[in-house]
N, C-alpha and C. Protein backbone atom coordinates (compact mmCIF):
# COMPACT_ATOMS: atom_id res chain seq x y z
N MET A 1 -17.36 -36.48 -21.71
CA MET A 1 -16.81 -34.78 -21.45
C MET A 1 -17.37 -34.12 -20.79
N ARG A 2 -16.50 -33.15 -20.12
CA ARG A 2 -17.21 -31.64 -19.36
C ARG A 2 -17.28 -30.83 -20.34
N LYS A 3 -18.25 -29.64 -20.61
CA LYS A 3 -18.50 -28.59 -21.48
C LYS A 3 -17.29 -27.90 -21.40
N ARG A 4 -16.51 -27.28 -22.48
CA ARG A 4 -15.18 -26.37 -22.36
C ARG A 4 -15.56 -25.29 -23.31
N LEU A 5 -14.96 -23.96 -22.98
CA LEU A 5 -15.20 -22.76 -23.80
C LEU A 5 -13.84 -22.07 -23.47
N VAL A 6 -13.33 -21.53 -24.64
CA VAL A 6 -12.23 -21.16 -24.47
C VAL A 6 -13.15 -19.57 -24.99
N ALA A 7 -12.47 -18.54 -23.81
CA ALA A 7 -12.88 -17.17 -24.10
C ALA A 7 -11.25 -16.61 -23.93
N TYR A 8 -11.42 -15.90 -24.83
CA TYR A 8 -10.09 -14.98 -24.77
C TYR A 8 -10.14 -13.20 -25.47
N PHE A 9 -9.13 -12.55 -24.93
CA PHE A 9 -8.92 -10.78 -25.19
C PHE A 9 -7.82 -11.05 -26.12
N SER A 10 -8.01 -10.70 -27.11
CA SER A 10 -6.73 -10.61 -28.14
C SER A 10 -6.51 -8.93 -28.29
N ALA A 11 -5.82 -8.70 -28.16
CA ALA A 11 -5.69 -6.80 -28.57
C ALA A 11 -4.93 -6.58 -30.07
N SER A 12 -3.87 -7.54 -30.43
CA SER A 12 -3.44 -7.67 -31.87
C SER A 12 -3.43 -8.76 -32.69
N GLY A 13 -3.79 -9.80 -32.13
CA GLY A 13 -4.20 -11.11 -32.84
C GLY A 13 -3.48 -12.50 -32.71
N VAL A 14 -2.52 -12.07 -31.49
CA VAL A 14 -1.48 -13.24 -31.52
C VAL A 14 -2.70 -13.93 -30.16
N THR A 15 -3.07 -13.08 -29.48
CA THR A 15 -3.78 -14.33 -28.45
C THR A 15 -5.02 -15.36 -29.02
N ALA A 16 -5.34 -14.52 -30.34
CA ALA A 16 -6.82 -14.78 -30.99
C ALA A 16 -6.57 -15.96 -31.46
N ARG A 17 -4.95 -16.18 -32.60
CA ARG A 17 -4.68 -17.50 -32.62
C ARG A 17 -4.42 -18.68 -31.77
N ALA A 18 -4.02 -17.98 -30.77
CA ALA A 18 -4.08 -19.51 -29.77
C ALA A 18 -5.21 -20.01 -29.44
N ALA A 19 -6.07 -18.92 -29.11
CA ALA A 19 -7.44 -19.29 -29.03
C ALA A 19 -8.09 -20.39 -29.40
N LYS A 20 -7.86 -20.01 -31.33
CA LYS A 20 -8.60 -20.53 -31.90
C LYS A 20 -8.32 -22.08 -32.26
N THR A 21 -6.85 -22.15 -31.76
CA THR A 21 -6.01 -23.57 -32.09
C THR A 21 -6.43 -24.40 -30.96
N LEU A 22 -6.36 -23.71 -29.70
CA LEU A 22 -7.02 -24.58 -28.56
C LEU A 22 -8.55 -24.91 -28.56
N ALA A 23 -9.45 -24.27 -29.03
CA ALA A 23 -10.89 -24.34 -29.27
C ALA A 23 -10.78 -25.73 -30.03
N GLU A 24 -10.04 -25.69 -30.74
CA GLU A 24 -10.26 -26.86 -32.11
C GLU A 24 -9.72 -28.10 -31.25
N ALA A 25 -8.91 -27.76 -30.87
CA ALA A 25 -7.88 -29.01 -29.84
C ALA A 25 -8.86 -29.63 -28.88
N ALA A 26 -9.77 -28.85 -28.40
CA ALA A 26 -10.17 -29.29 -26.91
C ALA A 26 -11.92 -29.62 -27.53
N GLY A 27 -12.47 -29.23 -28.41
CA GLY A 27 -13.66 -29.17 -29.30
C GLY A 27 -14.35 -28.43 -28.56
N ALA A 28 -13.80 -27.39 -28.10
CA ALA A 28 -14.54 -25.95 -27.23
C ALA A 28 -15.15 -24.99 -28.11
N GLY A 29 -16.20 -24.19 -26.91
CA GLY A 29 -16.50 -23.13 -27.98
C GLY A 29 -15.66 -22.03 -27.73
N LEU A 30 -15.42 -21.01 -28.31
CA LEU A 30 -14.76 -19.89 -29.06
C LEU A 30 -15.75 -18.59 -28.58
N TYR A 31 -15.35 -18.10 -27.80
CA TYR A 31 -15.83 -17.05 -27.64
C TYR A 31 -14.77 -15.55 -26.98
N GLU A 32 -14.93 -14.79 -27.77
CA GLU A 32 -13.80 -13.22 -27.74
C GLU A 32 -14.42 -12.19 -27.23
N ILE A 33 -13.80 -12.11 -26.20
CA ILE A 33 -14.18 -10.99 -25.00
C ILE A 33 -13.04 -9.24 -25.54
N ARG A 34 -14.32 -8.49 -25.71
CA ARG A 34 -13.91 -7.56 -26.81
C ARG A 34 -14.20 -6.28 -25.91
N PRO A 35 -13.23 -5.23 -25.76
CA PRO A 35 -13.63 -4.14 -24.90
C PRO A 35 -14.98 -3.32 -26.03
N GLN A 36 -15.42 -2.56 -25.05
CA GLN A 36 -16.79 -1.54 -25.53
C GLN A 36 -16.12 -0.54 -26.75
N THR A 37 -14.73 -0.15 -26.42
CA THR A 37 -13.84 0.60 -27.10
C THR A 37 -12.68 -0.11 -27.53
N PRO A 38 -12.59 -0.42 -28.89
CA PRO A 38 -11.49 -1.45 -29.46
C PRO A 38 -10.14 -0.37 -29.12
N TYR A 39 -9.02 -1.41 -29.21
CA TYR A 39 -7.93 -0.97 -28.55
C TYR A 39 -7.09 -0.70 -29.92
N THR A 40 -6.91 0.84 -30.26
CA THR A 40 -5.64 0.97 -31.38
C THR A 40 -4.04 0.83 -31.23
N SER A 41 -3.35 0.95 -32.08
CA SER A 41 -2.03 0.96 -32.11
C SER A 41 -1.65 2.11 -30.73
N ALA A 42 -1.81 2.96 -30.98
CA ALA A 42 -1.05 4.23 -30.39
C ALA A 42 -1.97 3.97 -28.41
N ASP A 43 -3.03 3.17 -28.38
CA ASP A 43 -3.37 2.58 -26.94
C ASP A 43 -2.47 2.03 -26.49
N LEU A 44 -1.64 0.78 -27.49
CA LEU A 44 -1.10 -0.29 -26.69
C LEU A 44 -0.10 0.15 -26.90
N ASP A 45 0.41 1.43 -26.81
CA ASP A 45 2.11 1.49 -26.94
C ASP A 45 2.60 1.80 -25.33
N TRP A 46 3.27 0.36 -25.09
CA TRP A 46 3.28 0.27 -23.19
C TRP A 46 4.51 1.36 -23.20
N THR A 47 5.20 2.05 -23.96
CA THR A 47 6.71 3.01 -24.09
C THR A 47 5.86 4.28 -23.96
N ASP A 48 4.92 4.61 -23.87
CA ASP A 48 4.26 5.91 -23.50
C ASP A 48 3.16 5.90 -22.43
N GLN A 49 3.47 6.43 -21.42
CA GLN A 49 2.66 6.40 -19.99
C GLN A 49 1.86 6.94 -20.14
N ARG A 50 1.05 7.87 -20.95
CA ARG A 50 -0.26 8.36 -21.23
C ARG A 50 -0.73 7.16 -22.17
N SER A 51 -0.70 6.34 -22.62
CA SER A 51 -1.61 5.40 -23.59
C SER A 51 -2.25 4.87 -22.95
N ARG A 52 -3.51 4.54 -23.58
CA ARG A 52 -4.68 3.69 -22.97
C ARG A 52 -4.32 2.61 -22.16
N SER A 53 -3.82 1.67 -22.83
CA SER A 53 -2.85 0.65 -21.85
C SER A 53 -1.76 0.53 -20.45
N SER A 54 -1.56 1.86 -20.28
CA SER A 54 -0.52 1.87 -19.65
C SER A 54 -1.28 2.59 -18.08
N VAL A 55 -2.17 3.80 -18.74
CA VAL A 55 -3.18 4.41 -18.19
C VAL A 55 -4.03 3.53 -17.07
N GLU A 56 -4.55 2.05 -17.82
CA GLU A 56 -5.12 1.48 -17.43
C GLU A 56 -4.23 0.55 -16.33
N MET A 57 -3.46 -0.27 -16.91
CA MET A 57 -2.69 -0.97 -16.23
C MET A 57 -1.93 -0.13 -14.72
N ASN A 58 -1.89 1.05 -15.11
CA ASN A 58 -1.40 1.55 -13.46
C ASN A 58 -2.54 2.01 -12.62
N ASP A 59 -3.82 1.38 -12.83
CA ASP A 59 -4.91 1.82 -12.08
C ASP A 59 -5.67 0.50 -11.88
N ARG A 60 -4.94 -0.57 -11.04
CA ARG A 60 -5.13 -1.77 -11.04
C ARG A 60 -6.89 -2.13 -10.89
N SER A 61 -7.63 -0.64 -10.42
CA SER A 61 -9.34 -0.84 -10.37
C SER A 61 -9.75 -0.98 -11.47
N PHE A 62 -9.32 -0.19 -12.43
CA PHE A 62 -10.14 0.27 -13.69
C PHE A 62 -10.74 -0.82 -14.44
N ARG A 63 -11.97 -0.84 -14.72
CA ARG A 63 -12.14 -1.98 -15.38
C ARG A 63 -12.93 -1.51 -16.87
N PRO A 64 -12.11 -1.71 -18.01
CA PRO A 64 -12.50 -1.47 -19.03
C PRO A 64 -14.04 -1.84 -19.27
N PRO A 65 -15.04 -1.23 -19.95
CA PRO A 65 -16.17 -1.93 -20.49
C PRO A 65 -15.99 -2.87 -21.14
N LEU A 66 -17.15 -3.78 -21.18
CA LEU A 66 -17.31 -4.83 -22.29
C LEU A 66 -18.20 -4.76 -23.48
N ALA A 67 -18.25 -5.00 -24.86
CA ALA A 67 -18.43 -4.86 -26.03
C ALA A 67 -20.24 -5.35 -25.51
N ASP A 68 -19.85 -6.64 -24.78
CA ASP A 68 -21.29 -7.19 -24.86
C ASP A 68 -21.17 -8.42 -23.76
N HIS A 69 -22.28 -8.91 -23.27
CA HIS A 69 -22.38 -9.82 -21.98
C HIS A 69 -23.18 -11.17 -22.58
N ASP A 70 -22.58 -11.49 -23.52
CA ASP A 70 -23.09 -13.05 -24.33
C ASP A 70 -22.18 -14.15 -24.31
N ALA A 71 -21.06 -14.03 -23.24
CA ALA A 71 -20.15 -15.42 -23.20
C ALA A 71 -21.25 -16.14 -22.32
N PRO A 72 -21.39 -17.85 -23.33
CA PRO A 72 -21.85 -18.77 -22.50
C PRO A 72 -21.58 -19.75 -21.31
N VAL A 73 -21.45 -18.78 -20.37
CA VAL A 73 -20.26 -19.14 -19.29
C VAL A 73 -21.00 -20.59 -18.86
N SER A 74 -22.72 -19.87 -18.54
CA SER A 74 -23.56 -21.06 -17.52
C SER A 74 -23.53 -22.29 -18.17
N ASP A 75 -23.25 -22.54 -19.24
CA ASP A 75 -23.60 -23.79 -19.97
C ASP A 75 -22.09 -24.31 -19.67
N CYS A 76 -21.01 -24.13 -19.40
CA CYS A 76 -19.75 -24.55 -19.37
C CYS A 76 -19.16 -24.82 -17.83
N GLU A 77 -18.34 -26.19 -17.50
CA GLU A 77 -17.44 -26.35 -16.68
C GLU A 77 -16.30 -25.80 -16.32
N VAL A 78 -15.93 -25.95 -17.86
CA VAL A 78 -14.06 -25.57 -17.72
C VAL A 78 -14.12 -24.54 -19.07
N ILE A 79 -13.65 -23.55 -18.38
CA ILE A 79 -13.16 -22.47 -18.99
C ILE A 79 -11.91 -22.39 -19.25
N PHE A 80 -11.45 -22.24 -20.39
CA PHE A 80 -9.66 -21.58 -21.22
C PHE A 80 -10.08 -19.91 -21.13
N LEU A 81 -9.17 -19.53 -20.25
CA LEU A 81 -9.27 -17.94 -20.43
C LEU A 81 -7.61 -17.37 -20.91
N GLY A 82 -7.57 -16.96 -22.12
CA GLY A 82 -6.62 -16.42 -22.63
C GLY A 82 -6.82 -14.93 -22.78
N PHE A 83 -5.11 -14.63 -22.94
CA PHE A 83 -5.21 -13.07 -22.67
C PHE A 83 -3.54 -13.13 -23.29
N PRO A 84 -3.30 -11.75 -23.52
CA PRO A 84 -2.00 -11.21 -23.59
C PRO A 84 -1.36 -10.58 -22.03
N ILE A 85 0.19 -11.32 -21.81
CA ILE A 85 0.41 -10.69 -20.80
C ILE A 85 0.79 -8.94 -20.81
N TRP A 86 0.23 -8.08 -19.83
CA TRP A 86 0.64 -6.63 -19.83
C TRP A 86 1.09 -6.47 -18.37
N TRP A 87 1.91 -5.87 -18.51
CA TRP A 87 2.86 -5.62 -17.24
C TRP A 87 2.89 -6.64 -16.17
N TYR A 88 3.27 -7.91 -16.47
CA TYR A 88 2.99 -8.73 -15.98
C TYR A 88 2.03 -9.37 -15.02
N THR A 89 0.77 -9.49 -15.54
CA THR A 89 -0.37 -9.50 -15.66
C THR A 89 -1.51 -9.53 -16.55
N ALA A 90 -2.51 -10.08 -16.35
CA ALA A 90 -3.66 -9.61 -17.37
C ALA A 90 -3.73 -8.44 -17.60
N PRO A 91 -4.37 -8.24 -18.91
CA PRO A 91 -5.04 -7.05 -19.00
C PRO A 91 -6.24 -6.71 -17.72
N THR A 92 -6.39 -5.63 -17.59
CA THR A 92 -7.87 -4.81 -16.46
C THR A 92 -8.96 -5.58 -17.28
N ILE A 93 -9.07 -5.64 -18.50
CA ILE A 93 -10.66 -6.35 -19.42
C ILE A 93 -10.56 -7.68 -18.70
N ILE A 94 -9.66 -8.71 -18.47
CA ILE A 94 -9.95 -9.87 -17.82
C ILE A 94 -10.62 -9.60 -16.42
N ASN A 95 -10.23 -9.01 -15.59
CA ASN A 95 -10.68 -8.67 -14.33
C ASN A 95 -12.02 -8.18 -14.32
N THR A 96 -13.05 -7.31 -15.63
CA THR A 96 -14.23 -6.93 -16.10
C THR A 96 -14.51 -8.06 -16.60
N PHE A 97 -14.16 -9.18 -17.07
CA PHE A 97 -15.00 -10.36 -18.01
C PHE A 97 -15.15 -11.06 -16.58
N LEU A 98 -14.54 -11.43 -15.95
CA LEU A 98 -14.47 -12.27 -14.37
C LEU A 98 -15.78 -12.06 -13.80
N GLU A 99 -15.42 -10.53 -13.15
CA GLU A 99 -16.92 -9.63 -12.44
C GLU A 99 -17.84 -9.72 -13.06
N SER A 100 -18.14 -10.04 -14.47
CA SER A 100 -19.76 -9.65 -15.24
C SER A 100 -20.41 -10.93 -15.25
N TYR A 101 -19.55 -12.36 -14.40
CA TYR A 101 -20.70 -13.31 -14.91
C TYR A 101 -20.04 -14.33 -13.17
N ASP A 102 -21.54 -15.10 -13.11
CA ASP A 102 -21.05 -16.10 -12.09
C ASP A 102 -20.28 -17.33 -12.57
N PHE A 103 -19.43 -17.51 -12.01
CA PHE A 103 -18.49 -18.34 -12.45
C PHE A 103 -18.11 -19.39 -11.35
N SER A 104 -18.92 -19.60 -10.44
CA SER A 104 -19.16 -20.01 -8.95
C SER A 104 -19.00 -21.76 -9.71
N GLY A 105 -18.74 -22.52 -9.17
CA GLY A 105 -18.20 -24.22 -9.52
C GLY A 105 -17.59 -24.69 -10.77
N ARG A 106 -17.23 -23.49 -11.27
CA ARG A 106 -16.42 -23.66 -12.34
C ARG A 106 -15.39 -23.75 -12.07
N THR A 107 -13.97 -24.30 -13.42
CA THR A 107 -13.02 -24.57 -13.43
C THR A 107 -12.44 -23.16 -14.17
N ILE A 108 -11.89 -22.72 -14.11
CA ILE A 108 -10.91 -21.81 -15.11
C ILE A 108 -9.36 -22.00 -15.15
N VAL A 109 -8.95 -22.40 -16.26
CA VAL A 109 -7.52 -22.39 -16.53
C VAL A 109 -7.10 -21.38 -17.42
N LEU A 110 -6.15 -21.04 -17.09
CA LEU A 110 -5.27 -19.62 -17.89
C LEU A 110 -4.35 -19.57 -18.90
N PHE A 111 -4.19 -19.35 -19.96
CA PHE A 111 -3.43 -19.54 -20.79
C PHE A 111 -3.21 -18.38 -21.14
N ALA A 112 -1.79 -17.74 -21.64
CA ALA A 112 -1.84 -16.60 -22.36
C ALA A 112 -0.62 -16.22 -23.50
N THR A 113 -0.14 -15.22 -24.00
CA THR A 113 0.75 -14.96 -24.69
C THR A 113 1.65 -13.94 -24.56
N SER A 114 2.84 -13.95 -24.61
CA SER A 114 3.70 -12.77 -23.94
C SER A 114 4.88 -12.43 -24.85
N GLY A 115 5.58 -11.32 -25.25
CA GLY A 115 6.60 -11.35 -26.17
C GLY A 115 8.05 -11.59 -24.93
N GLY A 116 7.94 -11.63 -24.05
CA GLY A 116 8.65 -11.68 -22.68
C GLY A 116 8.99 -12.00 -21.15
N SER A 117 7.84 -11.97 -20.74
CA SER A 117 7.72 -12.64 -19.46
C SER A 117 6.42 -13.61 -19.55
N GLY A 118 6.83 -14.05 -18.13
CA GLY A 118 5.79 -15.18 -17.93
C GLY A 118 4.66 -15.16 -17.29
N LEU A 119 3.65 -15.68 -16.47
CA LEU A 119 2.40 -15.94 -16.16
C LEU A 119 2.87 -15.34 -14.64
N GLY A 120 3.43 -15.48 -13.88
CA GLY A 120 3.93 -14.80 -12.93
C GLY A 120 2.98 -15.15 -11.60
N ARG A 121 2.34 -13.91 -11.21
CA ARG A 121 1.52 -13.61 -9.93
C ARG A 121 -0.13 -13.71 -10.56
N THR A 122 0.17 -13.78 -12.06
CA THR A 122 -1.66 -13.55 -12.58
C THR A 122 -2.88 -14.20 -11.69
N ALA A 123 -2.75 -15.84 -11.85
CA ALA A 123 -3.61 -16.48 -11.21
C ALA A 123 -4.36 -15.87 -9.83
N GLU A 124 -2.77 -15.49 -9.20
CA GLU A 124 -3.41 -14.78 -7.79
C GLU A 124 -4.15 -13.73 -7.89
N ASN A 125 -3.78 -12.69 -8.95
CA ASN A 125 -4.49 -11.53 -9.19
C ASN A 125 -5.73 -11.64 -9.49
N LEU A 126 -6.42 -12.75 -10.17
CA LEU A 126 -7.23 -12.77 -10.98
C LEU A 126 -8.31 -13.28 -9.51
N ARG A 127 -7.74 -14.17 -8.81
CA ARG A 127 -9.23 -15.03 -7.85
C ARG A 127 -10.05 -13.77 -7.26
N PRO A 128 -9.40 -12.56 -6.59
CA PRO A 128 -10.83 -12.44 -5.95
C PRO A 128 -11.69 -11.56 -7.43
N SER A 129 -11.25 -11.73 -8.25
CA SER A 129 -12.42 -11.52 -9.43
C SER A 129 -13.49 -12.52 -10.04
N ALA A 130 -13.20 -13.70 -9.28
CA ALA A 130 -13.95 -14.72 -9.78
C ALA A 130 -14.52 -15.48 -8.54
N GLY A 131 -15.31 -14.97 -7.75
CA GLY A 131 -15.24 -15.81 -6.58
C GLY A 131 -16.17 -17.45 -6.78
N GLY A 132 -15.79 -17.93 -6.09
CA GLY A 132 -16.32 -19.39 -6.26
C GLY A 132 -15.68 -20.13 -7.60
N ALA A 133 -15.02 -19.57 -8.32
CA ALA A 133 -14.15 -20.29 -9.32
C ALA A 133 -13.11 -20.98 -8.80
N VAL A 134 -12.73 -22.24 -9.26
CA VAL A 134 -11.13 -22.40 -9.66
C VAL A 134 -10.30 -21.97 -10.37
N ILE A 135 -9.93 -20.85 -10.05
CA ILE A 135 -8.53 -20.50 -10.94
C ILE A 135 -7.31 -21.58 -11.02
N ARG A 136 -7.18 -22.08 -12.06
CA ARG A 136 -5.56 -23.24 -12.48
C ARG A 136 -4.81 -22.27 -13.19
N GLU A 137 -3.33 -22.44 -12.73
CA GLU A 137 -2.19 -21.69 -13.46
C GLU A 137 -2.53 -22.51 -14.83
N GLY A 138 -2.16 -22.20 -15.57
CA GLY A 138 -1.84 -22.35 -17.47
C GLY A 138 -0.67 -22.31 -17.62
N LYS A 139 -0.29 -21.66 -18.91
CA LYS A 139 0.51 -21.77 -19.76
C LYS A 139 0.91 -20.95 -20.90
N LEU A 140 1.95 -20.50 -21.22
CA LEU A 140 2.10 -19.09 -22.27
C LEU A 140 2.01 -19.92 -23.63
N LEU A 141 1.07 -19.85 -24.88
CA LEU A 141 1.33 -20.79 -25.97
C LEU A 141 1.44 -19.64 -26.84
N ASN A 142 2.65 -19.25 -26.67
CA ASN A 142 3.44 -18.62 -27.61
C ASN A 142 4.06 -19.22 -29.08
N GLY A 143 4.08 -18.86 -30.08
CA GLY A 143 4.63 -19.10 -31.46
C GLY A 143 3.45 -20.19 -31.88
N ARG A 144 3.52 -21.14 -32.40
CA ARG A 144 2.71 -22.03 -33.54
C ARG A 144 2.59 -23.21 -32.75
N GLN A 145 1.29 -23.44 -32.14
CA GLN A 145 0.80 -24.40 -30.95
C GLN A 145 0.30 -25.61 -32.07
N THR A 146 0.58 -26.96 -31.46
CA THR A 146 -0.17 -27.84 -32.54
C THR A 146 -0.99 -28.76 -31.72
N ALA A 147 -2.27 -29.22 -32.38
CA ALA A 147 -3.31 -29.56 -31.43
C ALA A 147 -2.86 -30.96 -30.85
N GLU A 148 -2.12 -31.39 -31.43
CA GLU A 148 -1.85 -32.52 -30.67
C GLU A 148 -0.91 -32.19 -28.99
N GLY A 149 -0.10 -31.43 -29.48
CA GLY A 149 0.81 -30.40 -28.21
C GLY A 149 -0.34 -30.05 -27.03
N LEU A 150 -1.38 -29.50 -27.70
CA LEU A 150 -2.30 -28.91 -27.13
C LEU A 150 -3.43 -29.89 -26.01
N ARG A 151 -3.65 -30.79 -26.90
CA ARG A 151 -4.13 -32.12 -26.33
C ARG A 151 -3.54 -32.72 -25.31
N ALA A 152 -2.29 -32.97 -25.51
CA ALA A 152 -1.43 -33.58 -24.20
C ALA A 152 -1.50 -32.54 -22.75
N TRP A 153 -1.46 -31.43 -23.14
CA TRP A 153 -1.95 -30.50 -21.73
C TRP A 153 -2.99 -30.44 -21.52
N MET A 154 -3.86 -30.30 -22.12
CA MET A 154 -5.06 -30.44 -21.77
C MET A 154 -5.33 -32.29 -20.82
N ASP A 155 -5.06 -33.02 -21.35
CA ASP A 155 -5.30 -34.46 -20.56
C ASP A 155 -4.42 -34.19 -19.31
N SER A 156 -2.84 -33.50 -19.31
CA SER A 156 -2.26 -33.93 -18.27
C SER A 156 -3.07 -32.46 -17.32
N LEU A 157 -3.88 -31.83 -17.35
CA LEU A 157 -4.81 -30.90 -16.72
C LEU A 157 -5.78 -31.84 -15.59
N GLY A 158 -6.06 -33.11 -15.81
CA GLY A 158 -7.00 -33.86 -15.84
C GLY A 158 -8.61 -33.15 -15.59
N LEU A 159 -8.88 -32.89 -16.73
CA LEU A 159 -10.19 -32.14 -16.79
C LEU A 159 -10.81 -32.90 -18.23
């Protein structure tokens, strides 16, 4: 079996729950992508155009700094990368993460949580940040996930 890692960013805990279940089902390591400055509830208020998340998502070149650079990606061939969908795509901290490591020759499978939108063009939007990697379309992991269902999904990926 190829060595796997589940790396995730979770602002409210929803994606964290999905990531933990996926890591257990995959027999994979688990790594939390944390911002240098944690997000507050006010930062996440998408109805406020001046909130931190709104400002960041309106400037797609913005890269929030990471709290650390300790992700064990060099040991893994397959990385499941999870995040909440913000403004129909991945939060810019995911670009920061991808641009902070060498993912050459690795396969990155996306997964996300969302209150109302799908993955859209997220894979396409992230590919420039992960040169040399294969980024595969993933799936939404909303609601309660079962280990059996997640293993079936992973098996369908042929990884």
